[in-house]
Amino acid sequence: MKATDLIGDFTITGSNQNEGDTSYEGILSLDVDKNNRIKASWLIENEQQQYGTSFFKNNILVINFEYLGEDSELYRGVVVYQCLTKDILDGFWSEEYGNPQFLGIERCFRIKNDPLEIN
């Protein structure tokens, strides 16, 4: 698999980096820059924007991300996805102010524009 195989939009379901069952949904968009590095952007619960840049090797995608919190503070973290296929990503994440006893989890499924598209 190549970085360009991952270009596109994915629905995401996940849970936050804490003890409770705080799940969320959103959209992950992946693109590549001129150096074939993946650029990521998330829209969580239709309100929170997050952005990141990544490394990709051996079907593992590592993205350093950041976002502006409701308190106007900048938060940073890292997410690691195992690319099960180019259409399914299985990941875990942590951010600097999250509870260090837990990891967030995230699963991503490619959004297909053509309902007849077969991979």
PDB file of N, CA and C in Angstrom:
ATOM      1  N   MET A   1       0.840  -1.169   0.000  1.00  0.00           N
ATOM      2  CA  MET A   1       0.000   0.000   0.000  1.00  0.00           C
ATOM      3  C   MET A   1       0.897   1.248   0.000  1.00  0.00           C
ATOM      4  N   LYS A   2       0.462   2.274  -0.744  1.00  0.00           N
ATOM      5  CA  LYS A   2       1.189   3.546  -0.815  1.00  0.00           C
ATOM      6  C   LYS A   2       0.361   4.625  -0.127  1.00  0.00           C
ATOM      7  N   ALA A   3       1.016   5.715   0.229  1.00  0.00           N
ATOM      8  CA  ALA A   3       0.326   6.836   0.878  1.00  0.00           C
ATOM      9  C   ALA A   3      -0.825   7.332   0.008  1.00  0.00           C
ATOM     10  N   THR A   4      -0.627   7.372  -1.293  1.00  0.00           N
ATOM     11  CA  THR A   4      -1.686   7.886  -2.183  1.00  0.00           C
ATOM     12  C   THR A   4      -2.922   6.993  -2.192  1.00  0.00           C
ATOM     13  N   ASP A   5      -2.788   5.722  -1.798  1.00  0.00           N
ATOM     14  CA  ASP A   5      -3.949   4.826  -1.720  1.00  0.00           C
ATOM     15  C   ASP A   5      -4.932   5.262  -0.635  1.00  0.00           C
ATOM     16  N   LEU A   6      -4.463   6.070   0.308  1.00  0.00           N
ATOM     17  CA  LEU A   6      -5.290   6.475   1.435  1.00  0.00           C
ATOM     18  C   LEU A   6      -6.033   7.792   1.214  1.00  0.00           C
ATOM     19  N   ILE A   7      -5.783   8.455   0.092  1.00  0.00           N
ATOM     20  CA  ILE A   7      -6.450   9.733  -0.180  1.00  0.00           C
ATOM     21  C   ILE A   7      -7.962   9.524  -0.204  1.00  0.00           C
ATOM     22  N   GLY A   8      -8.672  10.399   0.508  1.00  0.00           N
ATOM     23  CA  GLY A   8     -10.122  10.328   0.506  1.00  0.00           C
ATOM     24  C   GLY A   8     -10.711  10.675   1.853  1.00  0.00           C
ATOM     25  N   ASP A   9     -12.010  10.443   1.980  1.00  0.00           N
ATOM     26  CA  ASP A   9     -12.753  10.755   3.197  1.00  0.00           C
ATOM     27  C   ASP A   9     -13.217   9.470   3.869  1.00  0.00           C
ATOM     28  N   PHE A  10     -13.218   9.492   5.199  1.00  0.00           N
ATOM     29  CA  PHE A  10     -13.584   8.337   6.017  1.00  0.00           C
ATOM     30  C   PHE A  10     -14.564   8.774   7.104  1.00  0.00           C
ATOM     31  N   THR A  11     -15.565   7.935   7.377  1.00  0.00           N
ATOM     32  CA  THR A  11     -16.359   8.154   8.582  1.00  0.00           C
ATOM     33  C   THR A  11     -15.559   7.589   9.738  1.00  0.00           C
ATOM     34  N   ILE A  12     -15.681   8.222  10.890  1.00  0.00           N
ATOM     35  CA  ILE A  12     -14.955   7.733  12.057  1.00  0.00           C
ATOM     36  C   ILE A  12     -15.907   7.540  13.233  1.00  0.00           C
ATOM     37  N   THR A  13     -15.596   6.546  14.010  1.00  0.00           N
ATOM     38  CA  THR A  13     -16.226   6.355  15.314  1.00  0.00           C
ATOM     39  C   THR A  13     -15.079   6.167  16.291  1.00  0.00           C
ATOM     40  N   GLY A  14     -15.228   6.736  17.466  1.00  0.00           N
ATOM     41  CA  GLY A  14     -14.143   6.623  18.415  1.00  0.00           C
ATOM     42  C   GLY A  14     -14.600   6.846  19.828  1.00  0.00           C
ATOM     43  N   SER A  15     -13.650   6.710  20.736  1.00  0.00           N
ATOM     44  CA  SER A  15     -13.905   7.033  22.135  1.00  0.00           C
ATOM     45  C   SER A  15     -12.708   7.812  22.658  1.00  0.00           C
ATOM     46  N   ASN A  16     -12.995   8.700  23.609  1.00  0.00           N
ATOM     47  CA  ASN A  16     -11.983   9.613  24.117  1.00  0.00           C
ATOM     48  C   ASN A  16     -11.025   8.951  25.093  1.00  0.00           C
ATOM     49  N   GLN A  17      -9.978   9.686  25.399  1.00  0.00           N
ATOM     50  CA  GLN A  17      -8.887   9.215  26.244  1.00  0.00           C
ATOM     51  C   GLN A  17      -9.248   9.438  27.723  1.00  0.00           C
ATOM     52  N   ASN A  18     -10.249   8.688  28.183  1.00  0.00           N
ATOM     53  CA  ASN A  18     -10.644   8.789  29.585  1.00  0.00           C
ATOM     54  C   ASN A  18     -11.332   7.505  30.024  1.00  0.00           C
ATOM     55  N   GLU A  19     -11.732   7.465  31.263  1.00  0.00           N
ATOM     56  CA  GLU A  19     -12.307   6.244  31.823  1.00  0.00           C
ATOM     57  C   GLU A  19     -13.748   6.017  31.390  1.00  0.00           C
ATOM     58  N   GLY A  20     -14.504   7.078  31.138  1.00  0.00           N
ATOM     59  CA  GLY A  20     -15.911   6.942  30.784  1.00  0.00           C
ATOM     60  C   GLY A  20     -16.118   6.492  29.355  1.00  0.00           C
ATOM     61  N   ASP A  21     -17.353   6.193  29.048  1.00  0.00           N
ATOM     62  CA  ASP A  21     -17.713   5.816  27.678  1.00  0.00           C
ATOM     63  C   ASP A  21     -18.129   7.077  26.933  1.00  0.00           C
ATOM     64  N   THR A  22     -17.157   7.862  26.519  1.00  0.00           N
ATOM     65  CA  THR A  22     -17.438   9.103  25.796  1.00  0.00           C
ATOM     66  C   THR A  22     -17.096   8.901  24.331  1.00  0.00           C
ATOM     67  N   SER A  23     -18.067   8.449  23.590  1.00  0.00           N
ATOM     68  CA  SER A  23     -17.832   8.159  22.180  1.00  0.00           C
ATOM     69  C   SER A  23     -18.136   9.390  21.331  1.00  0.00           C
ATOM     70  N   TYR A  24     -17.647   9.354  20.102  1.00  0.00           N
ATOM     71  CA  TYR A  24     -17.858  10.458  19.157  1.00  0.00           C
ATOM     72  C   TYR A  24     -17.874   9.892  17.748  1.00  0.00           C
ATOM     73  N   GLU A  25     -18.338  10.728  16.824  1.00  0.00           N
ATOM     74  CA  GLU A  25     -18.324  10.398  15.399  1.00  0.00           C
ATOM     75  C   GLU A  25     -17.799  11.604  14.640  1.00  0.00           C
ATOM     76  N   GLY A  26     -17.408  11.369  13.399  1.00  0.00           N
ATOM     77  CA  GLY A  26     -16.920  12.468  12.590  1.00  0.00           C
ATOM     78  C   GLY A  26     -16.462  12.006  11.223  1.00  0.00           C
ATOM     79  N   ILE A  27     -15.703  12.882  10.600  1.00  0.00           N
ATOM     80  CA  ILE A  27     -15.153  12.641   9.265  1.00  0.00           C
ATOM     81  C   ILE A  27     -13.650  12.894   9.314  1.00  0.00           C
ATOM     82  N   LEU A  28     -12.898  12.007   8.708  1.00  0.00           N
ATOM     83  CA  LEU A  28     -11.459  12.168   8.527  1.00  0.00           C
ATOM     84  C   LEU A  28     -11.200  12.311   7.038  1.00  0.00           C
ATOM     85  N   SER A  29     -10.475  13.364   6.658  1.00  0.00           N
ATOM     86  CA  SER A  29     -10.099  13.572   5.254  1.00  0.00           C
ATOM     87  C   SER A  29      -8.583  13.476   5.140  1.00  0.00           C
ATOM     88  N   LEU A  30      -8.121  12.640   4.201  1.00  0.00           N
ATOM     89  CA  LEU A  30      -6.693  12.454   3.972  1.00  0.00           C
ATOM     90  C   LEU A  30      -6.332  12.902   2.561  1.00  0.00           C
ATOM     91  N   ASP A  31      -5.222  13.593   2.452  1.00  0.00           N
ATOM     92  CA  ASP A  31      -4.692  14.045   1.164  1.00  0.00           C
ATOM     93  C   ASP A  31      -3.174  13.946   1.252  1.00  0.00           C
ATOM     94  N   VAL A  32      -2.478  14.144   0.159  1.00  0.00           N
ATOM     95  CA  VAL A  32      -1.013  14.139   0.187  1.00  0.00           C
ATOM     96  C   VAL A  32      -0.490  15.478  -0.300  1.00  0.00           C
ATOM     97  N   ASP A  33       0.672  15.874   0.220  1.00  0.00           N
ATOM     98  CA  ASP A  33       1.313  17.096  -0.244  1.00  0.00           C
ATOM     99  C   ASP A  33       2.278  16.762  -1.386  1.00  0.00           C
ATOM    100  N   LYS A  34       3.030  17.742  -1.830  1.00  0.00           N
ATOM    101  CA  LYS A  34       3.927  17.542  -2.980  1.00  0.00           C
ATOM    102  C   LYS A  34       5.042  16.538  -2.695  1.00  0.00           C
ATOM    103  N   ASN A  35       5.297  16.249  -1.396  1.00  0.00           N
ATOM    104  CA  ASN A  35       6.325  15.279  -1.014  1.00  0.00           C
ATOM    105  C   ASN A  35       5.734  13.917  -0.663  1.00  0.00           C
ATOM    106  N   ASN A  36       4.452  13.693  -1.036  1.00  0.00           N
ATOM    107  CA  ASN A  36       3.728  12.452  -0.739  1.00  0.00           C
ATOM    108  C   ASN A  36       3.605  12.178   0.754  1.00  0.00           C
ATOM    109  N   ARG A  37       3.586  13.245   1.555  1.00  0.00           N
ATOM    110  CA  ARG A  37       3.291  13.115   2.980  1.00  0.00           C
ATOM    111  C   ARG A  37       1.799  13.341   3.160  1.00  0.00           C
ATOM    112  N   ILE A  38       1.191  12.533   3.978  1.00  0.00           N
ATOM    113  CA  ILE A  38      -0.256  12.624   4.173  1.00  0.00           C
ATOM    114  C   ILE A  38      -0.594  13.784   5.089  1.00  0.00           C
ATOM    115  N   LYS A  39      -1.577  14.569   4.653  1.00  0.00           N
ATOM    116  CA  LYS A  39      -2.152  15.646   5.457  1.00  0.00           C
ATOM    117  C   LYS A  39      -3.533  15.173   5.901  1.00  0.00           C
ATOM    118  N   ALA A  40      -3.859  15.404   7.155  1.00  0.00           N
ATOM    119  CA  ALA A  40      -5.133  14.943   7.699  1.00  0.00           C
ATOM    120  C   ALA A  40      -5.930  16.110   8.255  1.00  0.00           C
ATOM    121  N   SER A  41      -7.243  15.999   8.132  1.00  0.00           N
ATOM    122  CA  SER A  41      -8.132  16.928   8.831  1.00  0.00           C
ATOM    123  C   SER A  41      -9.343  16.139   9.309  1.00  0.00           C
ATOM    124  N   TRP A  42      -9.751  16.427  10.518  1.00  0.00           N
ATOM    125  CA  TRP A  42     -10.906  15.785  11.142  1.00  0.00           C
ATOM    126  C   TRP A  42     -11.976  16.834  11.398  1.00  0.00           C
ATOM    127  N   LEU A  43     -13.206  16.419  11.291  1.00  0.00           N
ATOM    128  CA  LEU A  43     -14.326  17.215  11.769  1.00  0.00           C
ATOM    129  C   LEU A  43     -15.068  16.302  12.749  1.00  0.00           C
ATOM    130  N   ILE A  44     -14.965  16.619  14.030  1.00  0.00           N
ATOM    131  CA  ILE A  44     -15.537  15.790  15.084  1.00  0.00           C
ATOM    132  C   ILE A  44     -16.884  16.379  15.504  1.00  0.00           C
ATOM    133  N   GLU A  45     -17.921  15.540  15.464  1.00  0.00           N
ATOM    134  CA  GLU A  45     -19.267  15.940  15.875  1.00  0.00           C
ATOM    135  C   GLU A  45     -19.734  17.234  15.193  1.00  0.00           C
ATOM    136  N   ASN A  46     -19.338  17.423  13.942  1.00  0.00           N
ATOM    137  CA  ASN A  46     -19.725  18.585  13.133  1.00  0.00           C
ATOM    138  C   ASN A  46     -19.336  19.921  13.742  1.00  0.00           C
ATOM    139  N   GLU A  47     -18.349  19.939  14.652  1.00  0.00           N
ATOM    140  CA  GLU A  47     -17.987  21.219  15.237  1.00  0.00           C
ATOM    141  C   GLU A  47     -16.506  21.414  15.502  1.00  0.00           C
ATOM    142  N   GLN A  48     -15.777  20.378  15.846  1.00  0.00           N
ATOM    143  CA  GLN A  48     -14.372  20.562  16.193  1.00  0.00           C
ATOM    144  C   GLN A  48     -13.465  20.167  15.028  1.00  0.00           C
ATOM    145  N   GLN A  49     -12.648  21.117  14.562  1.00  0.00           N
ATOM    146  CA  GLN A  49     -11.681  20.876  13.491  1.00  0.00           C
ATOM    147  C   GLN A  49     -10.339  20.498  14.096  1.00  0.00           C
ATOM    148  N   GLN A  50      -9.710  19.469  13.542  1.00  0.00           N
ATOM    149  CA  GLN A  50      -8.369  19.077  13.931  1.00  0.00           C
ATOM    150  C   GLN A  50      -7.552  18.869  12.660  1.00  0.00           C
ATOM    151  N   TYR A  51      -6.244  19.121  12.762  1.00  0.00           N
ATOM    152  CA  TYR A  51      -5.365  19.025  11.594  1.00  0.00           C
ATOM    153  C   TYR A  51      -4.098  18.282  11.969  1.00  0.00           C
ATOM    154  N   GLY A  52      -3.493  17.591  10.980  1.00  0.00           N
ATOM    155  CA  GLY A  52      -2.260  16.887  11.264  1.00  0.00           C
ATOM    156  C   GLY A  52      -1.437  16.569  10.040  1.00  0.00           C
ATOM    157  N   THR A  53      -0.186  16.216  10.293  1.00  0.00           N
ATOM    158  CA  THR A  53       0.731  15.737   9.258  1.00  0.00           C
ATOM    159  C   THR A  53       1.264  14.388   9.715  1.00  0.00           C
ATOM    160  N   SER A  54       1.743  13.601   8.751  1.00  0.00           N
ATOM    161  CA  SER A  54       1.981  12.207   9.105  1.00  0.00           C
ATOM    162  C   SER A  54       3.246  11.600   8.526  1.00  0.00           C
ATOM    163  N   PHE A  55       3.455  10.368   8.980  1.00  0.00           N
ATOM    164  CA  PHE A  55       4.449   9.442   8.450  1.00  0.00           C
ATOM    165  C   PHE A  55       3.700   8.165   8.100  1.00  0.00           C
ATOM    166  N   PHE A  56       4.107   7.516   7.005  1.00  0.00           N
ATOM    167  CA  PHE A  56       3.447   6.283   6.581  1.00  0.00           C
ATOM    168  C   PHE A  56       4.505   5.271   6.184  1.00  0.00           C
ATOM    169  N   LYS A  57       4.447   4.091   6.812  1.00  0.00           N
ATOM    170  CA  LYS A  57       5.382   3.020   6.471  1.00  0.00           C
ATOM    171  C   LYS A  57       4.779   1.696   6.927  1.00  0.00           C
ATOM    172  N   ASN A  58       4.951   0.652   6.096  1.00  0.00           N
ATOM    173  CA  ASN A  58       4.494  -0.700   6.429  1.00  0.00           C
ATOM    174  C   ASN A  58       3.023  -0.732   6.860  1.00  0.00           C
ATOM    175  N   ASN A  59       2.210   0.018   6.152  1.00  0.00           N
ATOM    176  CA  ASN A  59       0.768   0.089   6.405  1.00  0.00           C
ATOM    177  C   ASN A  59       0.415   0.656   7.778  1.00  0.00           C
ATOM    178  N   ILE A  60       1.342   1.394   8.371  1.00  0.00           N
ATOM    179  CA  ILE A  60       1.103   2.105   9.625  1.00  0.00           C
ATOM    180  C   ILE A  60       1.154   3.604   9.316  1.00  0.00           C
ATOM    181  N   LEU A  61       0.108   4.304   9.736  1.00  0.00           N
ATOM    182  CA  LEU A  61      -0.008   5.744   9.533  1.00  0.00           C
ATOM    183  C   LEU A  61       0.061   6.419  10.893  1.00  0.00           C
ATOM    184  N   VAL A  62       1.050   7.285  11.099  1.00  0.00           N
ATOM    185  CA  VAL A  62       1.237   8.013  12.351  1.00  0.00           C
ATOM    186  C   VAL A  62       1.022   9.499  12.054  1.00  0.00           C
ATOM    187  N   ILE A  63       0.054  10.100  12.748  1.00  0.00           N
ATOM    188  CA  ILE A  63      -0.285  11.497  12.488  1.00  0.00           C
ATOM    189  C   ILE A  63      -0.118  12.316  13.761  1.00  0.00           C
ATOM    190  N   ASN A  64       0.686  13.359  13.686  1.00  0.00           N
ATOM    191  CA  ASN A  64       0.773  14.353  14.749  1.00  0.00           C
ATOM    192  C   ASN A  64      -0.330  15.369  14.483  1.00  0.00           C
ATOM    193  N   PHE A  65      -1.226  15.568  15.459  1.00  0.00           N
ATOM    194  CA  PHE A  65      -2.369  16.438  15.227  1.00  0.00           C
ATOM    195  C   PHE A  65      -2.442  17.557  16.256  1.00  0.00           C
ATOM    196  N   GLU A  66      -3.246  18.568  15.931  1.00  0.00           N
ATOM    197  CA  GLU A  66      -3.495  19.668  16.852  1.00  0.00           C
ATOM    198  C   GLU A  66      -4.866  20.261  16.581  1.00  0.00           C
ATOM    199  N   TYR A  67      -5.398  20.906  17.607  1.00  0.00           N
ATOM    200  CA  TYR A  67      -6.685  21.587  17.476  1.00  0.00           C
ATOM    201  C   TYR A  67      -6.799  22.660  18.547  1.00  0.00           C
ATOM    202  N   LEU A  68      -7.656  23.618  18.289  1.00  0.00           N
ATOM    203  CA  LEU A  68      -7.939  24.691  19.227  1.00  0.00           C
ATOM    204  C   LEU A  68      -9.141  24.284  20.062  1.00  0.00           C
ATOM    205  N   GLY A  69      -8.950  24.181  21.363  1.00  0.00           N
ATOM    206  CA  GLY A  69     -10.015  23.751  22.258  1.00  0.00           C
ATOM    207  C   GLY A  69     -11.027  24.856  22.514  1.00  0.00           C
ATOM    208  N   GLU A  70     -12.124  24.495  23.163  1.00  0.00           N
ATOM    209  CA  GLU A  70     -13.161  25.466  23.507  1.00  0.00           C
ATOM    210  C   GLU A  70     -12.625  26.572  24.397  1.00  0.00           C
ATOM    211  N   ASP A  71     -11.545  26.296  25.130  1.00  0.00           N
ATOM    212  CA  ASP A  71     -10.918  27.289  26.004  1.00  0.00           C
ATOM    213  C   ASP A  71      -9.880  28.131  25.269  1.00  0.00           C
ATOM    214  N   SER A  72      -9.831  28.018  23.931  1.00  0.00           N
ATOM    215  CA  SER A  72      -8.889  28.742  23.059  1.00  0.00           C
ATOM    216  C   SER A  72      -7.440  28.325  23.266  1.00  0.00           C
ATOM    217  N   GLU A  73      -7.217  27.200  23.923  1.00  0.00           N
ATOM    218  CA  GLU A  73      -5.875  26.634  24.068  1.00  0.00           C
ATOM    219  C   GLU A  73      -5.606  25.674  22.921  1.00  0.00           C
ATOM    220  N   LEU A  74      -4.337  25.591  22.496  1.00  0.00           N
ATOM    221  CA  LEU A  74      -3.939  24.666  21.445  1.00  0.00           C
ATOM    222  C   LEU A  74      -3.576  23.326  22.082  1.00  0.00           C
ATOM    223  N   TYR A  75      -4.210  22.258  21.605  1.00  0.00           N
ATOM    224  CA  TYR A  75      -3.956  20.908  22.100  1.00  0.00           C
ATOM    225  C   TYR A  75      -3.270  20.111  21.006  1.00  0.00           C
ATOM    226  N   ARG A  76      -2.322  19.254  21.414  1.00  0.00           N
ATOM    227  CA  ARG A  76      -1.568  18.432  20.463  1.00  0.00           C
ATOM    228  C   ARG A  76      -1.592  16.979  20.900  1.00  0.00           C
ATOM    229  N   GLY A  77      -1.459  16.098  19.904  1.00  0.00           N
ATOM    230  CA  GLY A  77      -1.404  14.683  20.205  1.00  0.00           C
ATOM    231  C   GLY A  77      -0.911  13.891  19.009  1.00  0.00           C
ATOM    232  N   VAL A  78      -1.003  12.579  19.139  1.00  0.00           N
ATOM    233  CA  VAL A  78      -0.587  11.687  18.059  1.00  0.00           C
ATOM    234  C   VAL A  78      -1.603  10.555  17.944  1.00  0.00           C
ATOM    235  N   VAL A  79      -1.907  10.174  16.706  1.00  0.00           N
ATOM    236  CA  VAL A  79      -2.770   9.031  16.438  1.00  0.00           C
ATOM    237  C   VAL A  79      -1.984   8.046  15.574  1.00  0.00           C
ATOM    238  N   VAL A  80      -2.159   6.760  15.855  1.00  0.00           N
ATOM    239  CA  VAL A  80      -1.503   5.690  15.096  1.00  0.00           C
ATOM    240  C   VAL A  80      -2.600   4.807  14.522  1.00  0.00           C
ATOM    241  N   TYR A  81      -2.621   4.706  13.194  1.00  0.00           N
ATOM    242  CA  TYR A  81      -3.595   3.857  12.516  1.00  0.00           C
ATOM    243  C   TYR A  81      -2.884   2.666  11.894  1.00  0.00           C
ATOM    244  N   GLN A  82      -3.427   1.494  12.087  1.00  0.00           N
ATOM    245  CA  GLN A  82      -3.033   0.338  11.305  1.00  0.00           C
ATOM    246  C   GLN A  82      -3.973   0.327  10.113  1.00  0.00           C
ATOM    247  N   CYS A  83      -3.432   0.377   8.918  1.00  0.00           N
ATOM    248  CA  CYS A  83      -4.241   0.394   7.698  1.00  0.00           C
ATOM    249  C   CYS A  83      -4.549  -1.057   7.334  1.00  0.00           C
ATOM    250  N   LEU A  84      -5.690  -1.532   7.793  1.00  0.00           N
ATOM    251  CA  LEU A  84      -6.076  -2.916   7.544  1.00  0.00           C
ATOM    252  C   LEU A  84      -6.269  -3.146   6.055  1.00  0.00           C
ATOM    253  N   THR A  85      -6.897  -2.184   5.399  1.00  0.00           N
ATOM    254  CA  THR A  85      -7.002  -2.091   3.942  1.00  0.00           C
ATOM    255  C   THR A  85      -6.966  -0.604   3.623  1.00  0.00           C
ATOM    256  N   LYS A  86      -7.026  -0.249   2.355  1.00  0.00           N
ATOM    257  CA  LYS A  86      -7.059   1.181   2.028  1.00  0.00           C
ATOM    258  C   LYS A  86      -8.394   1.811   2.418  1.00  0.00           C
ATOM    259  N   ASP A  87      -9.358   0.995   2.812  1.00  0.00           N
ATOM    260  CA  ASP A  87     -10.689   1.477   3.174  1.00  0.00           C
ATOM    261  C   ASP A  87     -11.004   1.391   4.665  1.00  0.00           C
ATOM    262  N   ILE A  88     -10.166   0.707   5.442  1.00  0.00           N
ATOM    263  CA  ILE A  88     -10.431   0.522   6.865  1.00  0.00           C
ATOM    264  C   ILE A  88      -9.154   0.814   7.658  1.00  0.00           C
ATOM    265  N   LEU A  89      -9.247   1.768   8.577  1.00  0.00           N
ATOM    266  CA  LEU A  89      -8.133   2.143   9.442  1.00  0.00           C
ATOM    267  C   LEU A  89      -8.538   1.884  10.887  1.00  0.00           C
ATOM    268  N   ASP A  90      -7.660   1.271  11.645  1.00  0.00           N
ATOM    269  CA  ASP A  90      -7.929   0.961  13.042  1.00  0.00           C
ATOM    270  C   ASP A  90      -6.848   1.644  13.866  1.00  0.00           C
ATOM    271  N   GLY A  91      -7.264   2.546  14.781  1.00  0.00           N
ATOM    272  CA  GLY A  91      -6.248   3.330  15.454  1.00  0.00           C
ATOM    273  C   GLY A  91      -6.453   3.568  16.930  1.00  0.00           C
ATOM    274  N   PHE A  92      -5.419   4.152  17.521  1.00  0.00           N
ATOM    275  CA  PHE A  92      -5.457   4.618  18.901  1.00  0.00           C
ATOM    276  C   PHE A  92      -4.720   5.944  18.957  1.00  0.00           C
ATOM    277  N   TRP A  93      -5.036   6.756  19.962  1.00  0.00           N
ATOM    278  CA  TRP A  93      -4.452   8.089  20.026  1.00  0.00           C
ATOM    279  C   TRP A  93      -4.296   8.542  21.468  1.00  0.00           C
ATOM    280  N   SER A  94      -3.461   9.568  21.625  1.00  0.00           N
ATOM    281  CA  SER A  94      -3.227  10.190  22.913  1.00  0.00           C
ATOM    282  C   SER A  94      -2.907  11.652  22.672  1.00  0.00           C
ATOM    283  N   GLU A  95      -3.355  12.498  23.572  1.00  0.00           N
ATOM    284  CA  GLU A  95      -2.982  13.905  23.478  1.00  0.00           C
ATOM    285  C   GLU A  95      -2.328  14.341  24.774  1.00  0.00           C
ATOM    286  N   GLU A  96      -1.609  15.450  24.704  1.00  0.00           N
ATOM    287  CA  GLU A  96      -0.735  15.845  25.805  1.00  0.00           C
ATOM    288  C   GLU A  96      -1.451  16.054  27.135  1.00  0.00           C
ATOM    289  N   TYR A  97      -2.692  16.503  27.138  1.00  0.00           N
ATOM    290  CA  TYR A  97      -3.393  16.750  28.397  1.00  0.00           C
ATOM    291  C   TYR A  97      -4.430  15.676  28.710  1.00  0.00           C
ATOM    292  N   GLY A  98      -4.447  14.612  27.942  1.00  0.00           N
ATOM    293  CA  GLY A  98      -5.373  13.516  28.195  1.00  0.00           C
ATOM    294  C   GLY A  98      -4.926  12.688  29.389  1.00  0.00           C
ATOM    295  N   ASN A  99      -5.791  11.832  29.856  1.00  0.00           N
ATOM    296  CA  ASN A  99      -5.479  10.953  30.976  1.00  0.00           C
ATOM    297  C   ASN A  99      -4.450   9.921  30.512  1.00  0.00           C
ATOM    298  N   PRO A 100      -3.235   9.929  31.071  1.00  0.00           N
ATOM    299  CA  PRO A 100      -2.187   9.023  30.602  1.00  0.00           C
ATOM    300  C   PRO A 100      -2.457   7.549  30.894  1.00  0.00           C
ATOM    301  N   GLN A 101      -3.493   7.254  31.683  1.00  0.00           N
ATOM    302  CA  GLN A 101      -3.829   5.864  31.967  1.00  0.00           C
ATOM    303  C   GLN A 101      -4.674   5.237  30.868  1.00  0.00           C
ATOM    304  N   PHE A 102      -5.101   6.040  29.874  1.00  0.00           N
ATOM    305  CA  PHE A 102      -5.996   5.548  28.833  1.00  0.00           C
ATOM    306  C   PHE A 102      -5.524   6.017  27.465  1.00  0.00           C
ATOM    307  N   LEU A 103      -5.943   5.293  26.449  1.00  0.00           N
ATOM    308  CA  LEU A 103      -5.759   5.704  25.061  1.00  0.00           C
ATOM    309  C   LEU A 103      -7.136   5.913  24.444  1.00  0.00           C
ATOM    310  N   GLY A 104      -7.243   6.897  23.566  1.00  0.00           N
ATOM    311  CA  GLY A 104      -8.449   7.017  22.763  1.00  0.00           C
ATOM    312  C   GLY A 104      -8.381   5.969  21.665  1.00  0.00           C
ATOM    313  N   ILE A 105      -9.526   5.590  21.142  1.00  0.00           N
ATOM    314  CA  ILE A 105      -9.533   4.646  20.020  1.00  0.00           C
ATOM    315  C   ILE A 105     -10.356   5.237  18.881  1.00  0.00           C
ATOM    316  N   GLU A 106     -10.043   4.814  17.687  1.00  0.00           N
ATOM    317  CA  GLU A 106     -10.746   5.336  16.522  1.00  0.00           C
ATOM    318  C   GLU A 106     -10.739   4.299  15.411  1.00  0.00           C
ATOM    319  N   ARG A 107     -11.859   4.140  14.759  1.00  0.00           N
ATOM    320  CA  ARG A 107     -11.982   3.254  13.600  1.00  0.00           C
ATOM    321  C   ARG A 107     -12.531   4.078  12.451  1.00  0.00           C
ATOM    322  N   CYS A 108     -11.947   3.925  11.272  1.00  0.00           N
ATOM    323  CA  CYS A 108     -12.290   4.742  10.108  1.00  0.00           C
ATOM    324  C   CYS A 108     -12.690   3.842   8.940  1.00  0.00           C
ATOM    325  N   PHE A 109     -13.753   4.251   8.246  1.00  0.00           N
ATOM    326  CA  PHE A 109     -14.269   3.511   7.096  1.00  0.00           C
ATOM    327  C   PHE A 109     -14.417   4.470   5.923  1.00  0.00           C
ATOM    328  N   ARG A 110     -13.822   4.106   4.786  1.00  0.00           N
ATOM    329  CA  ARG A 110     -13.850   4.985   3.615  1.00  0.00           C
ATOM    330  C   ARG A 110     -15.284   5.286   3.193  1.00  0.00           C
ATOM    331  N   ILE A 111     -15.522   6.547   2.852  1.00  0.00           N
ATOM    332  CA  ILE A 111     -16.796   6.973   2.282  1.00  0.00           C
ATOM    333  C   ILE A 111     -16.679   6.790   0.779  1.00  0.00           C
ATOM    334  N   LYS A 112     -17.535   5.980   0.232  1.00  0.00           N
ATOM    335  CA  LYS A 112     -17.489   5.708  -1.201  1.00  0.00           C
ATOM    336  C   LYS A 112     -18.499   6.592  -1.890  1.00  0.00           C
ATOM    337  N   ASN A 113     -18.046   7.303  -2.921  1.00  0.00           N
ATOM    338  CA  ASN A 113     -18.925   8.211  -3.669  1.00  0.00           C
ATOM    339  C   ASN A 113     -19.798   7.467  -4.653  1.00  0.00           C
ATOM    340  N   ASP A 114     -19.308   6.358  -5.154  1.00  0.00           N
ATOM    341  CA  ASP A 114     -20.053   5.571  -6.136  1.00  0.00           C
ATOM    342  C   ASP A 114     -20.560   4.312  -5.444  1.00  0.00           C
ATOM    343  N   PRO A 115     -21.870   4.154  -5.276  1.00  0.00           N
ATOM    344  CA  PRO A 115     -22.371   2.989  -4.560  1.00  0.00           C
ATOM    345  C   PRO A 115     -22.017   1.653  -5.225  1.00  0.00           C
ATOM    346  N   LEU A 116     -21.607   1.686  -6.493  1.00  0.00           N
ATOM    347  CA  LEU A 116     -21.236   0.454  -7.183  1.00  0.00           C
ATOM    348  C   LEU A 116     -19.728   0.193  -7.159  1.00  0.00           C
ATOM    349  N   GLU A 117     -18.985   1.090  -6.496  1.00  0.00           N
ATOM    350  CA  GLU A 117     -17.529   0.970  -6.450  1.00  0.00           C
ATOM    351  C   GLU A 117     -17.129  -0.292  -5.685  1.00  0.00           C
ATOM    352  N   ILE A 118     -16.260  -1.082  -6.278  1.00  0.00           N
ATOM    353  CA  ILE A 118     -15.773  -2.319  -5.668  1.00  0.00           C
ATOM    354  C   ILE A 118     -14.260  -2.203  -5.534  1.00  0.00           C
ATOM    355  N   ASN A 119     -13.741  -2.630  -4.410  1.00  0.00           N
ATOM    356  CA  ASN A 119     -12.289  -2.568  -4.178  1.00  0.00           C
ATOM    357  C   ASN A 119     -11.697  -3.932  -4.110  1.00  0.00           C
TER     358      ASN A 119
END
